[in-house]
């Protein structure tokens, strides 16, 4: 998760450097890139959760509970 967070932080910083310090770069870097980064940051947790649920359903343990 730290790797994903650092990637989107560096992507936002480089976007601000390329576009300059104006409103458009702030909308893109602080709004769009940071928003997508926040959603993608939870993706590993969701994948692990779905893998665990699928494993419990496959073994038949979920139906017994």
N, C-alpha and C. Protein backbone atom coordinates (compact mmCIF):
# COMPACT_ATOMS: atom_id res chain seq x y z
N UNK A 1 0.82 -1.18 0.00
CA UNK A 1 0.00 0.00 0.00
C UNK A 1 0.88 1.26 0.00
N UNK A 2 2.02 1.18 0.66
CA UNK A 2 2.92 2.34 0.67
C UNK A 2 3.47 2.61 -0.73
N UNK A 3 3.71 1.56 -1.47
CA UNK A 3 4.21 1.71 -2.84
C UNK A 3 3.17 2.39 -3.73
N UNK A 4 1.93 2.00 -3.59
CA UNK A 4 0.85 2.62 -4.38
C UNK A 4 0.68 4.08 -3.99
N UNK A 5 0.73 4.35 -2.68
CA UNK A 5 0.57 5.72 -2.20
C UNK A 5 1.72 6.61 -2.67
N UNK A 6 2.94 6.10 -2.62
CA UNK A 6 4.08 6.91 -3.07
C UNK A 6 4.03 7.13 -4.59
N UNK A 7 3.53 6.14 -5.34
CA UNK A 7 3.41 6.31 -6.78
C UNK A 7 2.45 7.44 -7.14
N UNK A 8 1.26 7.43 -6.52
CA UNK A 8 0.29 8.46 -6.85
C UNK A 8 0.69 9.83 -6.31
N UNK A 9 1.43 9.86 -5.21
CA UNK A 9 1.94 11.14 -4.70
C UNK A 9 2.98 11.71 -5.66
N UNK A 10 3.89 10.87 -6.12
CA UNK A 10 4.90 11.36 -7.06
C UNK A 10 4.28 11.74 -8.40
N UNK A 11 3.24 11.02 -8.82
CA UNK A 11 2.54 11.36 -10.07
C UNK A 11 1.86 12.72 -9.96
N UNK A 12 1.24 12.98 -8.82
CA UNK A 12 0.62 14.28 -8.60
C UNK A 12 1.63 15.41 -8.53
N UNK A 13 2.77 15.15 -7.87
CA UNK A 13 3.81 16.18 -7.79
C UNK A 13 4.42 16.47 -9.15
N UNK A 14 4.66 15.43 -9.94
CA UNK A 14 5.23 15.66 -11.27
C UNK A 14 4.22 16.36 -12.19
N UNK A 15 2.94 16.10 -12.01
CA UNK A 15 1.92 16.79 -12.79
C UNK A 15 1.92 18.28 -12.46
N UNK A 16 2.05 18.61 -11.18
CA UNK A 16 2.11 20.02 -10.78
C UNK A 16 3.35 20.70 -11.32
N UNK A 17 4.47 19.97 -11.37
CA UNK A 17 5.70 20.55 -11.91
C UNK A 17 5.58 20.81 -13.41
N UNK A 18 4.97 19.88 -14.13
CA UNK A 18 4.85 20.02 -15.58
C UNK A 18 3.87 21.12 -15.95
N UNK A 19 2.71 21.14 -15.31
CA UNK A 19 1.67 22.10 -15.66
C UNK A 19 1.83 23.47 -14.99
N UNK A 20 2.66 23.53 -13.97
CA UNK A 20 2.84 24.81 -13.27
C UNK A 20 1.89 24.91 -12.09
N UNK A 21 1.91 26.09 -11.47
CA UNK A 21 1.08 26.30 -10.28
C UNK A 21 -0.14 27.13 -10.67
N UNK A 22 -1.17 26.44 -11.14
CA UNK A 22 -2.41 27.11 -11.49
C UNK A 22 -3.60 26.24 -11.09
N UNK A 23 -4.80 26.69 -11.41
CA UNK A 23 -6.00 25.98 -10.97
C UNK A 23 -6.19 24.65 -11.68
N UNK A 24 -5.85 24.60 -12.96
CA UNK A 24 -6.02 23.35 -13.73
C UNK A 24 -5.11 22.25 -13.17
N UNK A 25 -3.87 22.58 -12.88
CA UNK A 25 -2.96 21.57 -12.33
C UNK A 25 -3.41 21.13 -10.95
N UNK A 26 -3.99 22.03 -10.18
CA UNK A 26 -4.50 21.67 -8.86
C UNK A 26 -5.70 20.74 -8.97
N UNK A 27 -6.58 21.00 -9.93
CA UNK A 27 -7.73 20.12 -10.13
C UNK A 27 -7.28 18.73 -10.56
N UNK A 28 -6.32 18.68 -11.47
CA UNK A 28 -5.85 17.39 -11.97
C UNK A 28 -5.07 16.64 -10.90
N UNK A 29 -4.10 17.32 -10.26
CA UNK A 29 -3.22 16.63 -9.30
C UNK A 29 -3.93 16.35 -7.98
N UNK A 30 -4.54 17.38 -7.39
CA UNK A 30 -5.15 17.21 -6.07
C UNK A 30 -6.54 16.58 -6.13
N UNK A 31 -7.21 16.72 -7.26
CA UNK A 31 -8.55 16.17 -7.38
C UNK A 31 -8.57 14.81 -8.03
N UNK A 32 -8.24 14.76 -9.30
CA UNK A 32 -8.39 13.51 -10.07
C UNK A 32 -7.36 12.46 -9.66
N UNK A 33 -6.10 12.82 -9.65
CA UNK A 33 -5.05 11.84 -9.36
C UNK A 33 -5.12 11.39 -7.90
N UNK A 34 -5.33 12.32 -6.99
CA UNK A 34 -5.43 11.95 -5.57
C UNK A 34 -6.69 11.13 -5.31
N UNK A 35 -7.78 11.43 -6.00
CA UNK A 35 -9.01 10.66 -5.83
C UNK A 35 -8.88 9.24 -6.33
N UNK A 36 -8.31 9.08 -7.51
CA UNK A 36 -8.09 7.74 -8.05
C UNK A 36 -7.10 6.98 -7.18
N UNK A 37 -6.09 7.68 -6.69
CA UNK A 37 -5.11 7.04 -5.81
C UNK A 37 -5.73 6.55 -4.52
N UNK A 38 -6.67 7.30 -3.97
CA UNK A 38 -7.34 6.88 -2.75
C UNK A 38 -8.17 5.63 -2.95
N UNK A 39 -8.82 5.53 -4.10
CA UNK A 39 -9.62 4.34 -4.40
C UNK A 39 -8.73 3.14 -4.67
N UNK A 40 -7.67 3.33 -5.43
CA UNK A 40 -6.77 2.23 -5.79
C UNK A 40 -5.98 1.75 -4.56
N UNK A 41 -5.82 2.63 -3.59
CA UNK A 41 -5.08 2.28 -2.38
C UNK A 41 -5.75 1.13 -1.61
N UNK A 42 -7.08 1.02 -1.66
CA UNK A 42 -7.79 -0.04 -0.97
C UNK A 42 -7.95 -1.29 -1.81
N UNK A 43 -7.51 -1.28 -3.04
CA UNK A 43 -7.67 -2.43 -3.92
C UNK A 43 -6.99 -3.70 -3.40
N UNK A 44 -5.75 -3.65 -2.87
CA UNK A 44 -5.15 -4.89 -2.34
C UNK A 44 -5.97 -5.49 -1.20
N UNK A 45 -6.54 -4.67 -0.33
CA UNK A 45 -7.36 -5.19 0.76
C UNK A 45 -8.61 -5.88 0.24
N UNK A 46 -9.24 -5.30 -0.77
CA UNK A 46 -10.44 -5.88 -1.35
C UNK A 46 -10.13 -7.20 -2.05
N UNK A 47 -9.01 -7.26 -2.74
CA UNK A 47 -8.61 -8.50 -3.43
C UNK A 47 -8.38 -9.62 -2.41
N UNK A 48 -7.70 -9.30 -1.31
CA UNK A 48 -7.47 -10.30 -0.27
C UNK A 48 -8.79 -10.75 0.34
N UNK A 49 -9.70 -9.83 0.57
CA UNK A 49 -11.00 -10.16 1.13
C UNK A 49 -11.78 -11.10 0.21
N UNK A 50 -11.84 -10.78 -1.08
CA UNK A 50 -12.56 -11.64 -2.01
C UNK A 50 -11.89 -13.00 -2.17
N UNK A 51 -10.57 -13.03 -2.11
CA UNK A 51 -9.87 -14.32 -2.18
C UNK A 51 -10.20 -15.18 -0.97
N UNK A 52 -10.25 -14.57 0.20
CA UNK A 52 -10.60 -15.31 1.40
C UNK A 52 -12.02 -15.83 1.37
N UNK A 53 -12.95 -15.01 0.92
CA UNK A 53 -14.35 -15.44 0.82
C UNK A 53 -14.49 -16.56 -0.20
N UNK A 54 -13.81 -16.44 -1.33
CA UNK A 54 -13.87 -17.49 -2.36
C UNK A 54 -13.27 -18.80 -1.83
N UNK A 55 -12.21 -18.70 -1.05
CA UNK A 55 -11.61 -19.89 -0.48
C UNK A 55 -12.55 -20.56 0.51
N UNK A 56 -13.23 -19.77 1.34
CA UNK A 56 -14.18 -20.34 2.30
C UNK A 56 -15.37 -20.97 1.60
N UNK A 57 -15.83 -20.36 0.50
CA UNK A 57 -16.95 -20.94 -0.23
C UNK A 57 -16.55 -22.21 -0.97
N UNK A 58 -15.34 -22.24 -1.49
CA UNK A 58 -14.87 -23.40 -2.24
C UNK A 58 -14.70 -24.62 -1.32
N UNK A 59 -14.20 -24.40 -0.14
CA UNK A 59 -14.00 -25.53 0.78
C UNK A 59 -15.29 -26.00 1.42
N UNK A 60 -16.36 -25.23 1.31
CA UNK A 60 -17.64 -25.63 1.89
C UNK A 60 -17.83 -25.14 3.32
N UNK A 61 -16.88 -24.42 3.83
CA UNK A 61 -16.97 -23.95 5.21
C UNK A 61 -18.05 -22.87 5.36
N UNK A 62 -18.22 -22.06 4.33
CA UNK A 62 -19.17 -20.95 4.42
C UNK A 62 -20.60 -21.46 4.54
N UNK A 63 -20.92 -22.55 3.88
CA UNK A 63 -22.28 -23.08 3.95
C UNK A 63 -22.57 -23.72 5.32
N UNK A 64 -21.54 -24.19 5.98
CA UNK A 64 -21.73 -24.80 7.30
C UNK A 64 -21.87 -23.76 8.39
N UNK A 65 -21.35 -22.60 8.16
CA UNK A 65 -21.45 -21.54 9.17
C UNK A 65 -22.81 -20.93 9.08
